[in-house]
């Protein structure tokens, strides 16, 4: 693996993990269209930790307050931890039962309808378009309606919407279901969970913040699952034995993922508060059609 490969994949992972365009879809498509060399499981696991680092850097105040109040036994912090746990359940069930099947379908073998083969990148292209049409377009409509209001009306509307401290367990469950559906490469996890939060009448920024906070245990869980696999252990042993200097290259890529992820989080928080998802809708239609036509 070269420095260029590591930096490119780190950049793709960091940016697309948090803006609503699907990091898993982009990484899978990149394998087919970009000459990336030897991106192994070890590096993908490290990238997960890079994106978690980005969340901690961008939302450190929220996380610190939650941890502090949780340790003090504050009811709000304990209840919020319960909401995070509830939101994890659907994704954990789907991830552990369908992960290998989805990997084969969207990243390795594709699908054959009769005698017509559909390559993995074409399936992901369809998923990109589905995400644009069924997730980001309606989410965009909600954001546009909210952010186009005059300041006085917008302030009044904010009073009718829920903050993180007003979320219910049903809100967390529905957002968790949206996260579970988004295990399909091409369906954006952040886009799906933010849209679900908007449907649950959360404030726009609260929906985005919850989307990022709830992703911490999910990303770490996925990384832990990979760490426990025999493939990870064998590749780690080979890499350690060879001592070929790839570790430094991987660290550089992880730092790129963390920095670009931090920028993506800050950008999205600003977008949902003042603008909308229209650029991402257009982008997903374009890349989806390109994947299908390739």
Protein backbone atom coordinates (compact mmCIF):
# COMPACT_ATOMS: atom_id res chain seq x y z
CA UNK A 1 0.00 0.00 0.00
CA UNK A 2 1.36 3.40 -1.00
CA UNK A 3 0.98 6.71 0.84
CA UNK A 4 -1.36 7.88 -1.92
CA UNK A 5 -3.61 4.84 -1.45
CA UNK A 6 -3.77 5.33 2.31
CA UNK A 7 -4.48 9.06 2.09
CA UNK A 8 -7.11 8.63 -0.64
CA UNK A 9 -9.01 5.95 1.28
CA UNK A 10 -8.67 7.94 4.53
CA UNK A 11 -10.11 10.99 2.79
CA UNK A 12 -13.03 9.02 1.33
CA UNK A 13 -13.79 7.42 4.70
CA UNK A 14 -13.50 10.63 6.71
CA UNK A 15 -15.65 12.80 4.45
CA UNK A 16 -18.33 10.31 3.43
CA UNK A 17 -18.82 8.79 6.90
CA UNK A 18 -20.54 11.97 8.08
CA UNK A 19 -21.89 13.82 5.05
CA UNK A 20 -25.00 12.02 3.76
CA UNK A 21 -23.54 10.12 0.80
CA UNK A 22 -22.57 6.68 2.28
CA UNK A 23 -18.98 5.87 3.18
CA UNK A 24 -19.41 2.11 2.65
CA UNK A 25 -20.81 2.74 -0.83
CA UNK A 26 -17.96 5.05 -1.79
CA UNK A 27 -15.27 2.71 -0.46
CA UNK A 28 -16.80 -0.22 -2.35
CA UNK A 29 -17.08 1.77 -5.59
CA UNK A 30 -13.53 3.08 -5.20
CA UNK A 31 -12.23 -0.50 -5.24
CA UNK A 32 -13.71 -0.98 -8.72
CA UNK A 33 -12.83 2.35 -10.34
CA UNK A 34 -9.67 3.60 -8.61
CA UNK A 35 -6.34 1.69 -8.70
CA UNK A 36 -6.03 1.29 -4.91
CA UNK A 37 -3.45 -1.27 -3.84
CA UNK A 38 -3.65 -3.71 -0.92
CA UNK A 39 -6.18 -1.93 1.30
CA UNK A 40 -6.44 -4.69 3.88
CA UNK A 41 -8.74 -5.30 6.82
CA UNK A 42 -6.19 -3.92 9.30
CA UNK A 43 -6.33 -0.53 7.63
CA UNK A 44 -10.14 -0.46 7.43
CA UNK A 45 -10.30 -1.17 11.18
CA UNK A 46 -7.85 1.67 11.86
CA UNK A 47 -9.98 4.00 9.72
CA UNK A 48 -12.95 3.27 11.98
CA UNK A 49 -10.95 4.53 14.94
CA UNK A 50 -9.99 7.61 12.93
CA UNK A 51 -13.62 8.53 12.33
CA UNK A 52 -14.45 8.01 16.02
CA UNK A 53 -11.57 10.34 16.86
CA UNK A 54 -13.18 12.93 14.55
CA UNK A 55 -16.46 12.71 16.50
CA UNK A 56 -14.68 13.16 19.82
CA UNK A 57 -12.79 16.17 18.46
CA UNK A 58 -15.87 17.84 16.96
CA UNK A 59 -18.30 17.10 19.81
CA UNK A 60 -15.96 16.93 22.77
CA UNK A 61 -18.07 19.31 24.86
CA UNK A 62 -21.23 17.23 24.44
CA UNK A 63 -19.36 14.00 25.11
CA UNK A 64 -17.52 15.36 28.15
CA UNK A 65 -20.73 16.66 29.73
CA UNK A 66 -22.52 13.36 29.11
CA UNK A 67 -19.66 11.30 30.57
CA UNK A 68 -19.30 13.62 33.57
CA UNK A 69 -23.02 13.64 34.34
CA UNK A 70 -23.30 9.89 33.73
CA UNK A 71 -20.56 9.27 36.32
CA UNK A 72 -22.44 11.54 38.73
CA UNK A 73 -25.62 9.54 38.19
CA UNK A 74 -27.54 12.44 36.67
CA UNK A 75 -30.93 11.25 35.37
CA UNK A 76 -30.62 12.99 32.00
CA UNK A 77 -27.21 11.44 31.25
CA UNK A 78 -28.38 7.97 32.35
CA UNK A 79 -31.49 8.27 30.20
CA UNK A 80 -29.47 9.50 27.22
CA UNK A 81 -27.15 6.49 27.56
CA UNK A 82 -30.27 4.30 27.48
CA UNK A 83 -31.41 6.06 24.29
CA UNK A 84 -28.03 5.33 22.68
CA UNK A 85 -28.32 1.66 23.67
CA UNK A 86 -31.84 1.45 22.23
CA UNK A 87 -30.70 3.03 18.98
CA UNK A 88 -27.92 0.42 18.67
CA UNK A 89 -30.17 -2.65 18.85
CA UNK A 90 -31.60 -2.68 15.28
CA UNK A 91 -28.21 -2.06 13.64
CA UNK A 92 -26.54 -4.70 15.82
CA UNK A 93 -29.15 -7.31 14.83
CA UNK A 94 -28.99 -6.51 11.12
CA UNK A 95 -25.21 -6.09 11.09
CA UNK A 96 -24.42 -9.41 12.75
CA UNK A 97 -26.97 -11.39 10.71
CA UNK A 98 -26.64 -9.85 7.24
CA UNK A 99 -23.12 -8.39 7.17
CA UNK A 100 -21.51 -11.23 5.20
CA UNK A 101 -24.44 -11.51 2.76
CA UNK A 102 -24.39 -7.76 2.05
CA UNK A 103 -20.60 -7.88 1.63
CA UNK A 104 -20.90 -10.61 -1.01
CA UNK A 105 -23.79 -8.89 -2.80
CA UNK A 106 -22.54 -5.28 -2.87
CA UNK A 107 -18.76 -5.70 -2.73
CA UNK A 108 -17.86 -9.05 -4.29
CA UNK A 109 -20.33 -11.02 -6.43
CA UNK A 110 -23.21 -8.72 -7.35
CA UNK A 111 -26.56 -10.13 -8.46
CA UNK A 112 -27.83 -12.03 -11.50
CA UNK A 113 -31.42 -11.52 -12.69
CA UNK A 114 -32.04 -14.33 -15.15
CA UNK A 115 -29.05 -14.15 -17.48
CA UNK A 116 -28.45 -10.46 -16.80
CA UNK A 117 -25.62 -9.84 -14.29
CA UNK A 118 -25.69 -6.76 -12.08
CA UNK A 119 -22.18 -5.95 -10.90
CA UNK A 120 -21.72 -4.76 -7.29
CA UNK A 121 -21.00 -1.18 -8.31
CA UNK A 122 -24.26 -1.05 -10.30
CA UNK A 123 -26.19 -2.25 -7.26
CA UNK A 124 -24.50 0.46 -5.21
CA UNK A 125 -25.43 2.97 -7.92
CA UNK A 126 -29.07 1.95 -7.49
CA UNK A 127 -28.68 2.36 -3.72
CA UNK A 128 -27.20 5.85 -4.21
CA UNK A 129 -30.25 6.86 -6.25
CA UNK A 130 -32.64 5.26 -3.74
CA UNK A 131 -30.92 7.22 -0.96
CA UNK A 132 -31.22 10.47 -2.95
CA UNK A 133 -34.89 9.89 -3.77
CA UNK A 134 -36.33 8.32 -0.62
CA UNK A 135 -34.05 9.73 2.09
CA UNK A 136 -32.30 12.96 1.16
CA UNK A 137 -35.06 14.52 -0.97
CA UNK A 138 -37.72 14.40 1.78
CA UNK A 139 -35.11 15.38 4.39
CA UNK A 140 -34.10 18.26 2.15
CA UNK A 141 -37.74 19.39 1.94
CA UNK A 142 -38.02 19.51 5.75
CA UNK A 143 -34.75 21.41 6.14
CA UNK A 144 -35.66 23.87 3.40
CA UNK A 145 -39.04 24.58 5.02
CA UNK A 146 -37.45 25.10 8.42
CA UNK A 147 -34.50 27.22 7.30
CA UNK A 148 -36.42 29.42 4.87
CA UNK A 149 -38.64 30.84 7.62
CA UNK A 150 -38.10 34.44 8.77
CA UNK A 151 -36.03 34.63 11.99
CA UNK A 152 -39.08 35.30 14.20
CA UNK A 153 -41.08 32.39 12.77
CA UNK A 154 -38.07 30.11 12.88
CA UNK A 155 -37.56 30.92 16.56
CA UNK A 156 -41.22 30.14 17.25
CA UNK A 157 -40.99 26.87 15.36
CA UNK A 158 -37.90 25.86 17.35
CA UNK A 159 -40.01 25.98 20.49
CA UNK A 160 -42.30 23.28 19.09
CA UNK A 161 -39.40 20.95 18.23
CA UNK A 162 -37.49 18.64 20.55
CA UNK A 163 -33.92 18.93 21.75
CA UNK A 164 -31.73 16.01 22.80
CA UNK A 165 -33.03 16.30 26.37
CA UNK A 166 -36.62 15.80 25.16
CA UNK A 167 -36.08 12.67 23.10
CA UNK A 168 -38.15 9.58 23.88
CA UNK A 169 -37.23 5.93 23.64
CA UNK A 170 -39.51 5.66 20.58
CA UNK A 171 -37.49 8.40 18.86
CA UNK A 172 -34.27 6.51 19.56
CA UNK A 173 -35.77 3.25 18.29
CA UNK A 174 -36.99 4.76 15.02
CA UNK A 175 -33.64 6.43 14.42
CA UNK A 176 -31.99 3.10 15.21
CA UNK A 177 -34.17 1.36 12.62
CA UNK A 178 -33.08 3.96 10.05
CA UNK A 179 -29.46 3.21 10.97
CA UNK A 180 -30.08 -0.51 10.54
CA UNK A 181 -31.50 -0.04 7.04
CA UNK A 182 -28.43 2.01 6.12
CA UNK A 183 -26.11 -0.99 6.53
CA UNK A 184 -26.73 -1.43 2.79
CA UNK A 185 -23.77 0.15 0.95
CA UNK A 186 -25.00 3.24 -0.88
CA UNK A 187 -27.61 4.14 1.73
CA UNK A 188 -26.17 6.89 3.90
CA UNK A 189 -26.14 6.17 7.63
CA UNK A 190 -25.94 9.85 8.59
CA UNK A 191 -28.56 10.85 6.02
CA UNK A 192 -30.97 8.12 7.11
CA UNK A 193 -30.63 8.81 10.83
CA UNK A 194 -30.87 12.59 10.45
CA UNK A 195 -34.00 12.17 8.31
CA UNK A 196 -35.50 9.88 10.95
CA UNK A 197 -34.66 12.47 13.61
CA UNK A 198 -36.37 15.19 11.58
CA UNK A 199 -39.48 12.98 11.24
CA UNK A 200 -39.44 12.55 15.02
CA UNK A 201 -39.69 16.36 15.30
CA UNK A 202 -36.16 16.83 16.61
CA UNK A 203 -34.48 20.16 16.04
CA UNK A 204 -32.27 19.98 12.96
CA UNK A 205 -28.97 20.31 14.81
CA UNK A 206 -30.16 17.93 17.55
CA UNK A 207 -30.96 15.30 14.89
CA UNK A 208 -27.45 15.67 13.45
CA UNK A 209 -25.76 15.59 16.86
CA UNK A 210 -27.64 12.46 17.89
CA UNK A 211 -26.73 10.86 14.56
CA UNK A 212 -23.03 11.44 15.26
CA UNK A 213 -23.16 10.44 18.94
CA UNK A 214 -25.08 7.23 18.28
CA UNK A 215 -22.52 6.25 15.64
CA UNK A 216 -19.70 5.97 18.20
CA UNK A 217 -20.67 2.56 19.64
CA UNK A 218 -21.75 1.30 16.20
CA UNK A 219 -18.43 2.20 14.56
CA UNK A 220 -16.45 0.82 17.50
CA UNK A 221 -18.60 -2.31 17.48
CA UNK A 222 -17.90 -2.88 13.79
CA UNK A 223 -14.19 -2.36 14.41
CA UNK A 224 -14.24 -4.80 17.34
CA UNK A 225 -16.08 -7.39 15.23
CA UNK A 226 -13.36 -7.11 12.58
CA UNK A 227 -10.62 -7.29 15.22
CA UNK A 228 -12.00 -10.61 16.47
CA UNK A 229 -11.98 -12.16 13.00
CA UNK A 230 -9.31 -14.72 12.10
CA UNK A 231 -8.50 -12.76 8.92
CA UNK A 232 -7.60 -9.67 10.94
CA UNK A 233 -5.37 -11.62 13.32
CA UNK A 234 -3.55 -13.42 10.52
CA UNK A 235 -2.95 -10.22 8.53
CA UNK A 236 -1.79 -8.43 11.66
CA UNK A 237 0.67 -11.21 12.41
CA UNK A 238 2.04 -11.09 8.85
CA UNK A 239 2.36 -7.30 8.95
CA UNK A 240 4.12 -7.40 12.32
CA UNK A 241 6.49 -10.15 11.16
CA UNK A 242 7.41 -8.43 7.91
CA UNK A 243 8.01 -5.01 9.47
CA UNK A 244 7.76 -3.44 6.01
CA UNK A 245 6.97 0.09 7.15
CA UNK A 246 3.31 0.09 6.16
CA UNK A 247 2.33 1.05 9.72
CA UNK A 248 3.51 4.63 9.24
CA UNK A 249 1.64 4.90 5.93
CA UNK A 250 -1.53 3.63 7.61
CA UNK A 251 -1.21 6.10 10.48
CA UNK A 252 -0.99 8.96 7.98
CA UNK A 253 -4.17 7.74 6.30
CA UNK A 254 -5.98 7.45 9.65
CA UNK A 255 -5.00 11.03 10.52
CA UNK A 256 -6.40 12.13 7.16
CA UNK A 257 -9.65 10.29 7.98
CA UNK A 258 -9.84 11.98 11.39
CA UNK A 259 -9.16 15.48 10.05
CA UNK A 260 -11.51 15.18 7.07
CA UNK A 261 -14.15 13.61 9.32
CA UNK A 262 -13.89 16.54 11.72
CA UNK A 263 -14.38 18.97 8.83
CA UNK A 264 -17.36 16.96 7.54
CA UNK A 265 -19.07 16.99 10.97
CA UNK A 266 -18.65 20.75 11.37
CA UNK A 267 -19.89 21.31 7.81
CA UNK A 268 -22.99 19.18 8.27
CA UNK A 269 -23.93 20.82 11.58
CA UNK A 270 -23.83 24.18 9.81
CA UNK A 271 -25.75 22.89 6.79
CA UNK A 272 -28.69 21.48 8.74
CA UNK A 273 -28.97 24.68 10.79
CA UNK A 274 -28.89 27.16 7.89
CA UNK A 275 -29.13 25.37 4.54
CA UNK A 276 -30.30 22.01 3.16
CA UNK A 277 -29.22 18.73 1.51
CA UNK A 278 -29.80 19.75 -2.12
CA UNK A 279 -26.11 19.50 -3.19
CA UNK A 280 -25.94 15.94 -1.85
CA UNK A 281 -29.17 14.96 -3.63
CA UNK A 282 -27.71 16.13 -6.95
CA UNK A 283 -24.38 14.45 -6.23
CA UNK A 284 -25.94 11.06 -5.42
CA UNK A 285 -28.06 11.12 -8.58
CA UNK A 286 -24.95 11.85 -10.66
CA UNK A 287 -22.68 9.24 -9.09
CA UNK A 288 -25.52 6.72 -9.02
CA UNK A 289 -26.19 7.09 -12.75
CA UNK A 290 -22.45 6.96 -13.50
CA UNK A 291 -22.14 3.67 -11.57
CA UNK A 292 -25.14 2.14 -13.35
CA UNK A 293 -23.97 3.25 -16.80
CA UNK A 294 -20.36 2.09 -16.32
